[in-house]
Amino acid sequence: MDLADKAVGLLLSGISLSVFTYYTFWVIILPFVDTDHFVHKYFLPQEYAILIPVFALVALLCFLCMFVGYVMLKSKKKKA
């Protein structure tokens, strides 16, 4: 395996772990912390904890539908 591939994999793993830790703390632990605590200034309001994943899921589904449609149109042209 190339060194660049390992570096990219390590970088993606680090980013994924950071996002998972941030989101988990935001959704599970932060509601039990007092609202006047300084840690609240590092997080978005709780409504975004649901809106961001829903938006990401809708965007992913739209992309997948467009990709499947593109592949179907391309395969139809090959048959003709």
C-alpha atoms as a PDB file:
ATOM      1  CA  MET A   1       0.000   0.000   0.000  1.00  0.00           C
ATOM      2  CA  ASP A   2       1.261   3.447  -0.827  1.00  0.00           C
ATOM      3  CA  LEU A   3       2.214   5.834   1.963  1.00  0.00           C
ATOM      4  CA  ALA A   4      -0.177   8.473   0.592  1.00  0.00           C
ATOM      5  CA  ASP A   5      -3.092   6.026   0.836  1.00  0.00           C
ATOM      6  CA  LYS A   6      -2.277   5.328   4.464  1.00  0.00           C
ATOM      7  CA  ALA A   7      -2.029   9.055   5.198  1.00  0.00           C
ATOM      8  CA  VAL A   8      -5.412   9.722   3.583  1.00  0.00           C
ATOM      9  CA  GLY A   9      -6.965   6.826   5.508  1.00  0.00           C
ATOM     10  CA  LEU A  10      -5.512   8.100   8.768  1.00  0.00           C
ATOM     11  CA  LEU A  11      -6.744  11.622   8.035  1.00  0.00           C
ATOM     12  CA  LEU A  12     -10.266  10.418   7.191  1.00  0.00           C
ATOM     13  CA  SER A  13     -10.345   8.238  10.305  1.00  0.00           C
ATOM     14  CA  GLY A  14      -9.265  11.170  12.454  1.00  0.00           C
ATOM     15  CA  ILE A  15     -11.879  13.470  10.953  1.00  0.00           C
ATOM     16  CA  SER A  16     -14.604  10.831  11.370  1.00  0.00           C
ATOM     17  CA  LEU A  17     -13.641  10.219  14.992  1.00  0.00           C
ATOM     18  CA  SER A  18     -13.616  13.957  15.708  1.00  0.00           C
ATOM     19  CA  VAL A  19     -17.040  14.506  14.143  1.00  0.00           C
ATOM     20  CA  PHE A  20     -18.477  11.490  15.964  1.00  0.00           C
ATOM     21  CA  THR A  21     -17.091  12.670  19.309  1.00  0.00           C
ATOM     22  CA  TYR A  22     -18.323  16.244  18.781  1.00  0.00           C
ATOM     23  CA  TYR A  23     -21.824  15.126  17.736  1.00  0.00           C
ATOM     24  CA  THR A  24     -22.095  12.590  20.561  1.00  0.00           C
ATOM     25  CA  PHE A  25     -21.094  15.180  23.152  1.00  0.00           C
ATOM     26  CA  TRP A  26     -23.469  17.717  21.584  1.00  0.00           C
ATOM     27  CA  VAL A  27     -26.499  15.411  21.540  1.00  0.00           C
ATOM     28  CA  ILE A  28     -26.024  13.171  24.578  1.00  0.00           C
ATOM     29  CA  ILE A  29     -24.024  15.088  27.176  1.00  0.00           C
ATOM     30  CA  LEU A  30     -24.736  18.778  26.506  1.00  0.00           C
ATOM     31  CA  PRO A  31     -28.457  18.686  27.443  1.00  0.00           C
ATOM     32  CA  PHE A  32     -27.430  17.755  31.000  1.00  0.00           C
ATOM     33  CA  VAL A  33     -25.001  20.689  31.337  1.00  0.00           C
ATOM     34  CA  ASP A  34     -26.278  23.997  32.722  1.00  0.00           C
ATOM     35  CA  THR A  35     -27.182  26.505  30.008  1.00  0.00           C
ATOM     36  CA  ASP A  36     -24.956  29.189  31.509  1.00  0.00           C
ATOM     37  CA  HIS A  37     -21.856  26.978  31.357  1.00  0.00           C
ATOM     38  CA  PHE A  38     -19.080  28.222  29.056  1.00  0.00           C
ATOM     39  CA  VAL A  39     -19.038  24.992  27.021  1.00  0.00           C
ATOM     40  CA  HIS A  40     -22.350  25.917  25.358  1.00  0.00           C
ATOM     41  CA  LYS A  41     -20.679  28.633  23.295  1.00  0.00           C
ATOM     42  CA  TYR A  42     -18.795  25.940  21.291  1.00  0.00           C
ATOM     43  CA  PHE A  43     -21.974  24.214  20.079  1.00  0.00           C
ATOM     44  CA  LEU A  44     -24.875  25.153  17.833  1.00  0.00           C
ATOM     45  CA  PRO A  45     -28.442  25.188  19.199  1.00  0.00           C
ATOM     46  CA  GLN A  46     -30.017  21.760  19.741  1.00  0.00           C
ATOM     47  CA  GLU A  47     -32.388  22.137  16.761  1.00  0.00           C
ATOM     48  CA  TYR A  48     -29.434  21.786  14.419  1.00  0.00           C
ATOM     49  CA  ALA A  49     -28.602  18.398  15.932  1.00  0.00           C
ATOM     50  CA  ILE A  50     -31.558  17.035  13.974  1.00  0.00           C
ATOM     51  CA  LEU A  51     -31.578  19.404  10.977  1.00  0.00           C
ATOM     52  CA  ILE A  52     -27.975  18.789   9.890  1.00  0.00           C
ATOM     53  CA  PRO A  53     -28.233  14.951   9.654  1.00  0.00           C
ATOM     54  CA  VAL A  54     -31.654  15.207   7.951  1.00  0.00           C
ATOM     55  CA  PHE A  55     -30.272  17.654   5.383  1.00  0.00           C
ATOM     56  CA  ALA A  56     -27.244  15.406   4.804  1.00  0.00           C
ATOM     57  CA  LEU A  57     -29.504  12.371   4.302  1.00  0.00           C
ATOM     58  CA  VAL A  58     -31.760  14.225   1.833  1.00  0.00           C
ATOM     59  CA  ALA A  59     -28.706  15.470  -0.090  1.00  0.00           C
ATOM     60  CA  LEU A  60     -27.266  11.930  -0.200  1.00  0.00           C
ATOM     61  CA  LEU A  61     -30.554  10.449  -1.422  1.00  0.00           C
ATOM     62  CA  CYS A  62     -30.839  13.141  -4.122  1.00  0.00           C
ATOM     63  CA  PHE A  63     -27.292  12.440  -5.258  1.00  0.00           C
ATOM     64  CA  LEU A  64     -27.942   8.685  -5.362  1.00  0.00           C
ATOM     65  CA  CYS A  65     -31.150   9.144  -7.364  1.00  0.00           C
ATOM     66  CA  MET A  66     -29.367  11.413  -9.849  1.00  0.00           C
ATOM     67  CA  PHE A  67     -26.511   8.905 -10.158  1.00  0.00           C
ATOM     68  CA  VAL A  68     -28.861   5.967 -10.753  1.00  0.00           C
ATOM     69  CA  GLY A  69     -30.800   8.008 -13.328  1.00  0.00           C
ATOM     70  CA  TYR A  70     -27.564   8.973 -15.084  1.00  0.00           C
ATOM     71  CA  VAL A  71     -26.406   5.348 -15.210  1.00  0.00           C
ATOM     72  CA  MET A  72     -29.792   4.210 -16.529  1.00  0.00           C
ATOM     73  CA  LEU A  73     -29.754   6.853 -19.274  1.00  0.00           C
ATOM     74  CA  LYS A  74     -26.194   6.013 -20.199  1.00  0.00           C
ATOM     75  CA  SER A  75     -26.921   2.272 -20.385  1.00  0.00           C
ATOM     76  CA  LYS A  76     -30.009   2.950 -22.542  1.00  0.00           C
ATOM     77  CA  LYS A  77     -27.873   4.864 -25.045  1.00  0.00           C
ATOM     78  CA  LYS A  78     -25.388   1.969 -25.262  1.00  0.00           C
ATOM     79  CA  LYS A  79     -28.157  -0.476 -26.229  1.00  0.00           C
ATOM     80  CA  ALA A  80     -29.361   1.716 -29.098  1.00  0.00           C
END
